[in-house]
Amino acid sequence: MQRTVCTVSVRDLRTGEPLPGEQPQTPMALSGVEGYVVFTADVKLSTPLSELPMDAYVCFELKHWKEWKKKMSLKAWSFLPVSKLLESLMSPRSSPMDAVDLPLPLLRKPSVYDSAGLSKAKPFNRLALDVHMKVAIA
């Protein structure tokens, strides 16, 4: 995949729309080993975690450049409910600043971002957890 990026946004569960005030962020891929894409960028949310609605979720969209169409195309996507994010960050760790590993399923197109679409999302491959991220409070 050429020019691989991952767009990160915070969305409302009911409507699937991005939350007001949250700007989507798009880190570029650092490297690609066969079968893997690695991103090492820090992503900072505009809204403090404590102020995010519990029915919101963080959406990850894996996109790549299609030369023949001259545009970015969605390859796969994933999501993390804010409630699960907060629960993971509150789990016992040696230090509150330590990162938490959060494995997530990678989902295939189409990406429908409201609650009905999230419940019908299908896995991108047969592997259970394809997205592995580290989350920390900065």
Protein backbone atom coordinates (compact mmCIF):
# COMPACT_ATOMS: atom_id res chain seq x y z
CA MET A 1 0.00 0.00 0.00
CA GLN A 2 1.33 3.41 -0.95
CA ARG A 3 1.22 6.45 1.37
CA THR A 4 -0.58 4.71 4.20
CA VAL A 5 -2.22 6.88 6.85
CA CYS A 6 -4.49 6.30 9.82
CA THR A 7 -7.14 8.94 10.45
CA VAL A 8 -8.15 9.14 14.13
CA SER A 9 -11.39 10.87 15.08
CA VAL A 10 -13.84 10.93 18.00
CA ARG A 11 -17.44 10.27 16.97
CA ASP A 12 -20.92 10.27 18.46
CA LEU A 13 -22.36 6.74 18.75
CA ARG A 14 -25.92 7.69 17.79
CA THR A 15 -25.16 9.71 14.66
CA GLY A 16 -21.65 8.57 13.71
CA GLU A 17 -20.68 12.23 13.23
CA PRO A 18 -17.40 13.63 14.58
CA LEU A 19 -17.79 15.40 17.92
CA PRO A 20 -17.75 19.20 17.73
CA GLY A 21 -14.33 20.63 18.50
CA GLU A 22 -12.47 17.38 17.77
CA GLN A 23 -10.24 17.60 14.71
CA PRO A 24 -9.38 14.32 12.95
CA GLN A 25 -5.66 13.56 13.05
CA THR A 26 -3.79 11.67 10.35
CA PRO A 27 -0.39 10.22 11.23
CA MET A 28 1.62 8.69 8.36
CA ALA A 29 2.88 5.10 8.53
CA LEU A 30 6.42 4.81 9.80
CA SER A 31 7.27 1.48 8.25
CA GLY A 32 5.74 -1.53 6.67
CA VAL A 33 6.95 -5.06 7.22
CA GLU A 34 5.19 -7.62 5.08
CA GLY A 35 1.65 -7.86 6.40
CA TYR A 36 2.08 -5.01 8.93
CA VAL A 37 1.81 -1.23 8.97
CA VAL A 38 3.46 0.57 11.89
CA PHE A 39 2.47 4.02 13.20
CA THR A 40 4.42 5.58 16.06
CA ALA A 41 2.77 8.99 16.19
CA ASP A 42 1.29 10.45 19.35
CA VAL A 43 -2.35 11.42 18.93
CA LYS A 44 -3.73 13.99 21.34
CA LEU A 45 -7.46 14.53 21.72
CA SER A 46 -8.70 18.12 21.92
CA THR A 47 -11.25 17.25 24.59
CA PRO A 48 -10.05 15.90 27.96
CA LEU A 49 -11.04 12.24 28.46
CA SER A 50 -13.11 13.15 31.51
CA GLU A 51 -15.27 15.44 29.34
CA LEU A 52 -15.89 13.00 26.48
CA PRO A 53 -19.42 11.54 26.42
CA MET A 54 -19.55 7.88 27.46
CA ASP A 55 -21.47 7.05 24.26
CA ALA A 56 -18.68 8.39 22.03
CA TYR A 57 -15.95 6.30 20.45
CA VAL A 58 -12.53 6.78 18.90
CA CYS A 59 -12.52 5.79 15.22
CA PHE A 60 -9.42 4.60 13.34
CA GLU A 61 -9.49 4.58 9.53
CA LEU A 62 -6.63 2.91 7.64
CA LYS A 63 -6.32 4.68 4.28
CA HIS A 64 -3.92 4.34 1.37
CA TRP A 65 -3.21 6.17 -1.87
CA LYS A 66 -4.70 4.70 -5.06
CA GLU A 67 -2.48 6.00 -7.82
CA TRP A 68 -4.80 5.06 -10.65
CA LYS A 69 -7.73 6.91 -9.03
CA LYS A 70 -5.51 9.73 -7.70
CA LYS A 71 -7.19 9.63 -4.29
CA MET A 72 -7.01 8.22 -0.78
CA SER A 73 -9.09 5.10 -0.24
CA LEU A 74 -10.33 3.44 2.94
CA LYS A 75 -8.79 -0.01 3.37
CA ALA A 76 -10.14 -0.97 6.80
CA TRP A 77 -11.23 0.63 10.07
CA SER A 78 -11.66 0.01 13.78
CA PHE A 79 -13.19 1.71 16.79
CA LEU A 80 -12.75 1.98 20.54
CA PRO A 81 -15.65 3.06 22.78
CA VAL A 82 -14.68 5.85 25.20
CA SER A 83 -16.09 3.73 28.05
CA LYS A 84 -13.63 0.90 27.22
CA LEU A 85 -10.78 3.38 26.87
CA LEU A 86 -11.48 4.86 30.32
CA GLU A 87 -11.90 1.41 31.86
CA SER A 88 -8.52 0.33 30.44
CA LEU A 89 -6.77 3.46 31.66
CA MET A 90 -8.19 2.95 35.17
CA SER A 91 -6.88 -0.63 35.39
CA PRO A 92 -4.09 -1.26 37.92
CA ARG A 93 -0.62 -0.45 36.55
CA SER A 94 2.73 0.26 38.14
CA SER A 95 2.34 3.92 37.21
CA PRO A 96 -0.63 5.93 35.87
CA MET A 97 1.71 7.15 33.10
CA ASP A 98 2.40 3.59 31.87
CA ALA A 99 0.91 2.75 28.49
CA VAL A 100 -1.96 0.26 28.23
CA ASP A 101 -2.02 -2.26 25.36
CA LEU A 102 -5.40 -2.28 23.62
CA PRO A 103 -5.94 -4.92 20.93
CA LEU A 104 -8.87 -4.15 18.59
CA PRO A 105 -10.46 -5.91 15.62
CA LEU A 106 -9.79 -4.51 12.15
CA LEU A 107 -13.07 -4.18 10.25
CA ARG A 108 -13.80 -4.17 6.53
CA LYS A 109 -15.62 -1.66 4.39
CA PRO A 110 -18.16 -0.18 4.27
CA SER A 111 -17.64 1.98 7.32
CA VAL A 112 -20.99 2.97 8.82
CA TYR A 113 -20.31 4.97 11.94
CA ASP A 114 -23.68 5.04 13.76
CA SER A 115 -24.71 2.48 16.41
CA ALA A 116 -26.53 0.25 13.89
CA GLY A 117 -23.52 0.17 11.57
CA LEU A 118 -21.08 -0.60 14.39
CA SER A 119 -23.13 -3.63 15.45
CA LYS A 120 -23.10 -5.02 11.88
CA ALA A 121 -19.39 -4.45 11.17
CA LYS A 122 -17.54 -7.49 9.80
CA PRO A 123 -13.91 -8.48 10.51
CA PHE A 124 -11.29 -7.60 7.90
CA ASN A 125 -9.59 -11.01 8.28
CA ARG A 126 -10.15 -14.09 10.34
CA LEU A 127 -7.65 -13.00 12.96
CA ALA A 128 -9.46 -11.81 16.04
CA LEU A 129 -7.40 -8.74 16.96
CA ASP A 130 -5.50 -6.96 14.20
CA VAL A 131 -4.97 -3.47 15.64
CA HIS A 132 -2.55 -3.23 18.56
CA MET A 133 -2.11 0.15 20.17
CA LYS A 134 -0.59 1.59 23.28
CA VAL A 135 -2.59 4.24 25.09
CA ALA A 136 -1.24 6.49 27.81
CA ILE A 137 -2.33 9.65 29.58
CA ALA A 138 0.08 12.45 28.78
